[in-house]
N, C-alpha and C. Protein backbone atom coordinates (compact mmCIF):
# COMPACT_ATOMS: atom_id res chain seq x y z
N MET A 1 92.17 -7.68 41.82
CA MET A 1 90.80 -8.25 41.97
C MET A 1 90.50 -9.08 40.75
N ALA A 2 90.27 -10.21 40.78
CA ALA A 2 89.80 -11.04 39.71
C ALA A 2 88.35 -11.15 39.54
N GLY A 3 87.81 -11.46 38.39
CA GLY A 3 86.44 -11.51 38.21
C GLY A 3 85.91 -12.89 37.86
N GLY A 4 84.64 -13.13 37.94
CA GLY A 4 84.04 -14.37 37.47
C GLY A 4 84.55 -15.61 38.40
N TRP A 5 84.99 -16.67 37.79
CA TRP A 5 85.41 -17.76 38.57
C TRP A 5 86.85 -17.72 39.06
N ALA A 6 87.60 -16.79 38.52
CA ALA A 6 89.08 -16.70 38.83
C ALA A 6 89.33 -16.25 40.30
N ARG A 7 90.38 -16.76 40.86
CA ARG A 7 90.71 -16.25 42.29
C ARG A 7 91.51 -15.03 42.18
N ASP A 8 91.58 -14.29 43.25
CA ASP A 8 92.30 -13.13 43.35
C ASP A 8 93.79 -13.35 43.02
N GLY A 9 94.34 -12.46 42.23
CA GLY A 9 95.71 -12.62 41.82
C GLY A 9 95.96 -13.46 40.55
N ALA A 10 94.72 -13.95 39.96
CA ALA A 10 94.99 -14.81 38.78
C ALA A 10 95.57 -14.12 37.56
N VAL A 11 95.18 -12.98 37.43
CA VAL A 11 95.61 -12.13 36.26
C VAL A 11 97.10 -11.87 36.35
N GLN A 12 97.57 -11.49 37.56
CA GLN A 12 98.95 -11.25 37.76
C GLN A 12 99.76 -12.56 37.47
N ASP A 13 99.27 -13.67 38.05
CA ASP A 13 99.82 -14.93 37.86
C ASP A 13 100.08 -15.25 36.26
N GLN A 14 98.97 -14.89 35.49
CA GLN A 14 99.14 -15.13 34.02
C GLN A 14 100.17 -14.15 33.45
N ILE A 15 100.26 -12.89 34.00
CA ILE A 15 101.28 -12.06 33.39
C ILE A 15 102.63 -12.57 33.76
N ASP A 16 102.97 -12.94 35.03
CA ASP A 16 104.17 -13.59 35.48
C ASP A 16 104.49 -14.78 34.77
N ALA A 17 103.55 -15.71 34.44
CA ALA A 17 103.84 -16.87 33.70
C ALA A 17 104.28 -16.54 32.28
N SER A 18 103.62 -15.65 31.78
CA SER A 18 103.96 -15.18 30.26
C SER A 18 105.42 -14.65 30.23
N ILE A 19 105.77 -13.85 31.24
CA ILE A 19 107.12 -13.28 31.27
C ILE A 19 108.09 -14.31 31.51
N GLN A 20 107.94 -15.29 32.36
CA GLN A 20 108.82 -16.41 32.58
C GLN A 20 108.95 -17.24 31.33
N ASP A 21 107.89 -17.59 30.57
CA ASP A 21 107.95 -18.30 29.37
C ASP A 21 108.85 -17.55 28.28
N GLU A 22 108.71 -16.21 28.20
CA GLU A 22 109.48 -15.55 27.28
C GLU A 22 111.01 -15.48 27.61
N LEU A 23 111.17 -15.29 28.96
CA LEU A 23 112.64 -15.36 29.51
C LEU A 23 113.29 -16.75 29.13
N ALA A 24 112.50 -17.76 29.34
CA ALA A 24 113.05 -19.07 29.18
C ALA A 24 113.30 -19.29 27.64
N ARG A 25 112.41 -18.78 26.67
CA ARG A 25 112.61 -18.96 25.31
C ARG A 25 113.83 -18.17 24.88
N MET A 26 114.08 -16.97 25.45
CA MET A 26 115.22 -16.09 25.07
C MET A 26 116.57 -16.72 25.64
N LYS A 27 116.49 -17.42 26.79
CA LYS A 27 117.64 -18.07 27.23
C LYS A 27 118.11 -19.22 26.36
N THR A 28 117.21 -19.97 25.74
CA THR A 28 117.53 -21.06 24.94
C THR A 28 117.90 -20.70 23.52
N ARG A 29 117.66 -19.40 23.22
CA ARG A 29 118.04 -18.95 21.85
C ARG A 29 119.43 -18.43 21.95
N SER A 30 120.44 -19.02 21.16
CA SER A 30 121.77 -18.58 21.37
C SER A 30 122.25 -17.86 19.97
N GLY A 31 123.29 -17.28 19.99
CA GLY A 31 123.85 -16.64 18.91
C GLY A 31 124.62 -17.68 18.10
N PRO A 32 125.40 -17.20 17.04
CA PRO A 32 126.15 -18.18 16.24
C PRO A 32 127.20 -18.96 17.14
N VAL A 33 127.35 -20.24 16.87
CA VAL A 33 128.28 -21.04 17.62
C VAL A 33 129.18 -21.80 16.57
N GLY A 34 130.26 -22.36 16.94
CA GLY A 34 131.18 -23.06 16.00
C GLY A 34 132.18 -22.14 15.34
N ASP A 35 132.70 -22.75 14.24
CA ASP A 35 133.63 -21.89 13.47
C ASP A 35 132.90 -21.02 12.59
N SER A 36 133.57 -19.82 12.39
CA SER A 36 133.07 -18.77 11.54
C SER A 36 133.42 -19.20 10.04
N LEU A 37 132.52 -18.89 9.28
CA LEU A 37 132.84 -19.07 7.84
C LEU A 37 133.77 -17.95 7.24
N THR A 38 134.54 -18.37 6.25
CA THR A 38 135.43 -17.33 5.67
C THR A 38 134.55 -16.52 4.51
N HIS A 39 133.63 -17.19 3.97
CA HIS A 39 132.70 -16.51 3.01
C HIS A 39 131.22 -16.63 3.39
N CYS A 40 130.50 -15.57 3.02
CA CYS A 40 129.15 -15.48 3.40
C CYS A 40 128.28 -16.74 2.91
N ALA A 41 127.34 -17.21 3.68
CA ALA A 41 126.56 -18.50 3.33
C ALA A 41 125.55 -18.01 2.22
N GLU A 42 125.31 -16.70 2.04
CA GLU A 42 124.18 -16.41 1.14
C GLU A 42 124.70 -15.84 -0.14
N CYS A 43 125.77 -14.96 -0.04
CA CYS A 43 126.22 -14.11 -1.23
C CYS A 43 127.67 -14.52 -1.66
N GLU A 44 128.34 -15.41 -0.83
CA GLU A 44 129.71 -15.92 -1.16
C GLU A 44 130.76 -14.86 -1.07
N GLU A 45 130.42 -13.59 -0.64
CA GLU A 45 131.44 -12.60 -0.35
C GLU A 45 132.27 -13.00 0.82
N GLU A 46 133.49 -12.49 0.89
CA GLU A 46 134.42 -12.87 1.94
C GLU A 46 134.02 -12.05 3.24
N ILE A 47 133.95 -12.83 4.39
CA ILE A 47 133.67 -12.10 5.63
C ILE A 47 134.95 -11.56 6.16
N PRO A 48 135.09 -10.31 6.49
CA PRO A 48 136.29 -9.73 7.04
C PRO A 48 136.79 -10.45 8.26
N GLU A 49 138.19 -10.54 8.39
CA GLU A 49 138.65 -11.17 9.55
C GLU A 49 138.21 -10.58 10.92
N ALA A 50 138.11 -9.24 10.99
CA ALA A 50 137.69 -8.59 12.20
C ALA A 50 136.25 -9.01 12.63
N ARG A 51 135.45 -9.19 11.69
CA ARG A 51 133.96 -9.67 11.99
C ARG A 51 134.04 -11.14 12.49
N ARG A 52 134.92 -11.97 11.83
CA ARG A 52 134.94 -13.40 12.32
C ARG A 52 135.54 -13.54 13.72
N ARG A 53 136.46 -12.51 14.11
CA ARG A 53 136.94 -12.61 15.44
C ARG A 53 135.89 -12.03 16.44
N ALA A 54 135.27 -11.04 15.95
CA ALA A 54 134.28 -10.38 16.91
C ALA A 54 133.00 -11.26 17.27
N ILE A 55 132.59 -12.00 16.23
CA ILE A 55 131.40 -12.77 16.44
C ILE A 55 131.80 -14.26 16.15
N PRO A 56 132.23 -15.04 16.99
CA PRO A 56 132.60 -16.51 16.68
C PRO A 56 131.46 -17.19 16.14
N GLY A 57 131.57 -17.98 14.99
CA GLY A 57 130.57 -18.62 14.50
C GLY A 57 129.67 -17.96 13.43
N VAL A 58 130.06 -16.66 13.02
CA VAL A 58 129.38 -15.88 12.13
C VAL A 58 129.31 -16.57 10.70
N LYS A 59 128.07 -16.55 10.13
CA LYS A 59 127.89 -17.19 8.85
C LYS A 59 127.58 -16.21 7.72
N LEU A 60 127.16 -14.91 8.12
CA LEU A 60 126.70 -14.05 7.09
C LEU A 60 127.64 -12.77 7.09
N CYS A 61 127.80 -12.08 5.89
CA CYS A 61 128.47 -10.87 5.81
C CYS A 61 127.59 -9.84 6.43
N ILE A 62 128.07 -8.57 6.58
CA ILE A 62 127.29 -7.53 7.16
C ILE A 62 126.13 -7.07 6.34
N ASP A 63 126.34 -7.08 5.03
CA ASP A 63 125.24 -6.70 4.15
C ASP A 63 124.08 -7.68 4.11
N CYS A 64 124.42 -8.94 4.22
CA CYS A 64 123.31 -10.02 4.18
C CYS A 64 122.77 -10.00 5.63
N MET A 65 123.46 -9.76 6.65
CA MET A 65 122.89 -9.73 7.98
C MET A 65 121.98 -8.55 8.11
N GLN A 66 122.32 -7.39 7.58
CA GLN A 66 121.47 -6.21 7.69
C GLN A 66 120.23 -6.42 6.87
N GLU A 67 120.27 -7.05 5.70
CA GLU A 67 119.06 -7.42 5.01
C GLU A 67 118.08 -8.27 5.75
N ARG A 68 118.72 -9.28 6.39
CA ARG A 68 117.95 -10.22 7.09
C ARG A 68 117.35 -9.52 8.32
N ASP A 69 118.03 -8.68 8.94
CA ASP A 69 117.51 -7.94 10.07
C ASP A 69 116.42 -6.94 9.75
N ALA A 70 116.57 -6.32 8.64
CA ALA A 70 115.48 -5.47 8.12
C ALA A 70 114.16 -6.19 7.70
N SER A 71 114.20 -7.37 7.32
CA SER A 71 113.02 -8.16 6.96
C SER A 71 112.45 -8.98 8.17
N PHE A 72 113.08 -8.85 9.33
CA PHE A 72 112.63 -9.55 10.41
C PHE A 72 111.32 -8.96 11.01
N LYS A 73 110.33 -9.93 11.30
CA LYS A 73 109.08 -9.46 11.78
C LYS A 73 108.92 -10.15 13.23
N ALA A 74 108.76 -9.26 14.12
CA ALA A 74 108.57 -9.80 15.60
C ALA A 74 107.27 -10.60 15.75
N ARG A 75 107.25 -11.63 16.39
CA ARG A 75 106.04 -12.42 16.58
C ARG A 75 105.10 -11.74 17.62
N PRO A 76 103.83 -11.90 17.37
CA PRO A 76 102.97 -11.23 18.30
C PRO A 76 103.12 -11.71 19.75
N GLY A 77 102.95 -10.77 20.58
CA GLY A 77 103.26 -11.05 21.96
C GLY A 77 101.92 -10.99 22.78
N PHE A 78 100.99 -11.82 22.50
CA PHE A 78 99.80 -11.81 23.32
C PHE A 78 99.73 -13.15 24.13
N ASN A 79 98.99 -13.04 25.16
CA ASN A 79 99.05 -14.01 26.07
C ASN A 79 98.08 -15.18 25.91
N ARG A 80 98.66 -16.37 25.36
CA ARG A 80 97.70 -17.42 25.09
C ARG A 80 97.11 -18.06 26.34
N ARG A 81 97.77 -17.97 27.46
CA ARG A 81 97.33 -18.48 28.69
C ARG A 81 96.05 -17.88 29.06
N GLY A 82 95.95 -16.45 28.89
CA GLY A 82 94.80 -15.77 29.28
C GLY A 82 93.76 -15.61 28.20
N SER A 83 93.94 -16.15 27.06
CA SER A 83 93.08 -15.91 25.92
C SER A 83 91.81 -16.89 26.14
N LYS A 84 90.65 -16.35 26.04
CA LYS A 84 89.39 -17.16 26.18
C LYS A 84 89.28 -18.03 24.96
N ASP A 85 89.81 -17.62 23.77
CA ASP A 85 89.71 -18.41 22.63
C ASP A 85 90.47 -19.72 22.76
N SER A 86 91.74 -19.59 23.38
CA SER A 86 92.49 -20.77 23.55
C SER A 86 91.88 -21.74 24.40
N GLN A 87 90.97 -21.36 25.33
CA GLN A 87 90.33 -22.29 26.23
C GLN A 87 89.00 -22.97 25.58
N LEU A 88 88.62 -22.42 24.46
CA LEU A 88 87.54 -23.00 23.81
C LEU A 88 87.90 -24.00 22.82
N LYS A 89 89.21 -24.14 22.53
CA LYS A 89 89.57 -25.04 21.46
C LYS A 89 89.89 -26.39 21.96
């Protein structure tokens, strides 16, 4: 049940659209591609052969990748489509 001027099912349509947007964003995001580096792009340490074979296109050693993963901050996942603030701008 929608309220105000919205039609019935509008909220679910917004949720579905947000999910489809996120799925599309994730599909376009790809992993490493191309030739693997023999040495890390950040610390210049040698990347083990097993890692280069396991992950084609790898650019970072395990230590640098773990550091980068630890500092990763997920983006906020709120629905801009349904935000009243976004409609006022």
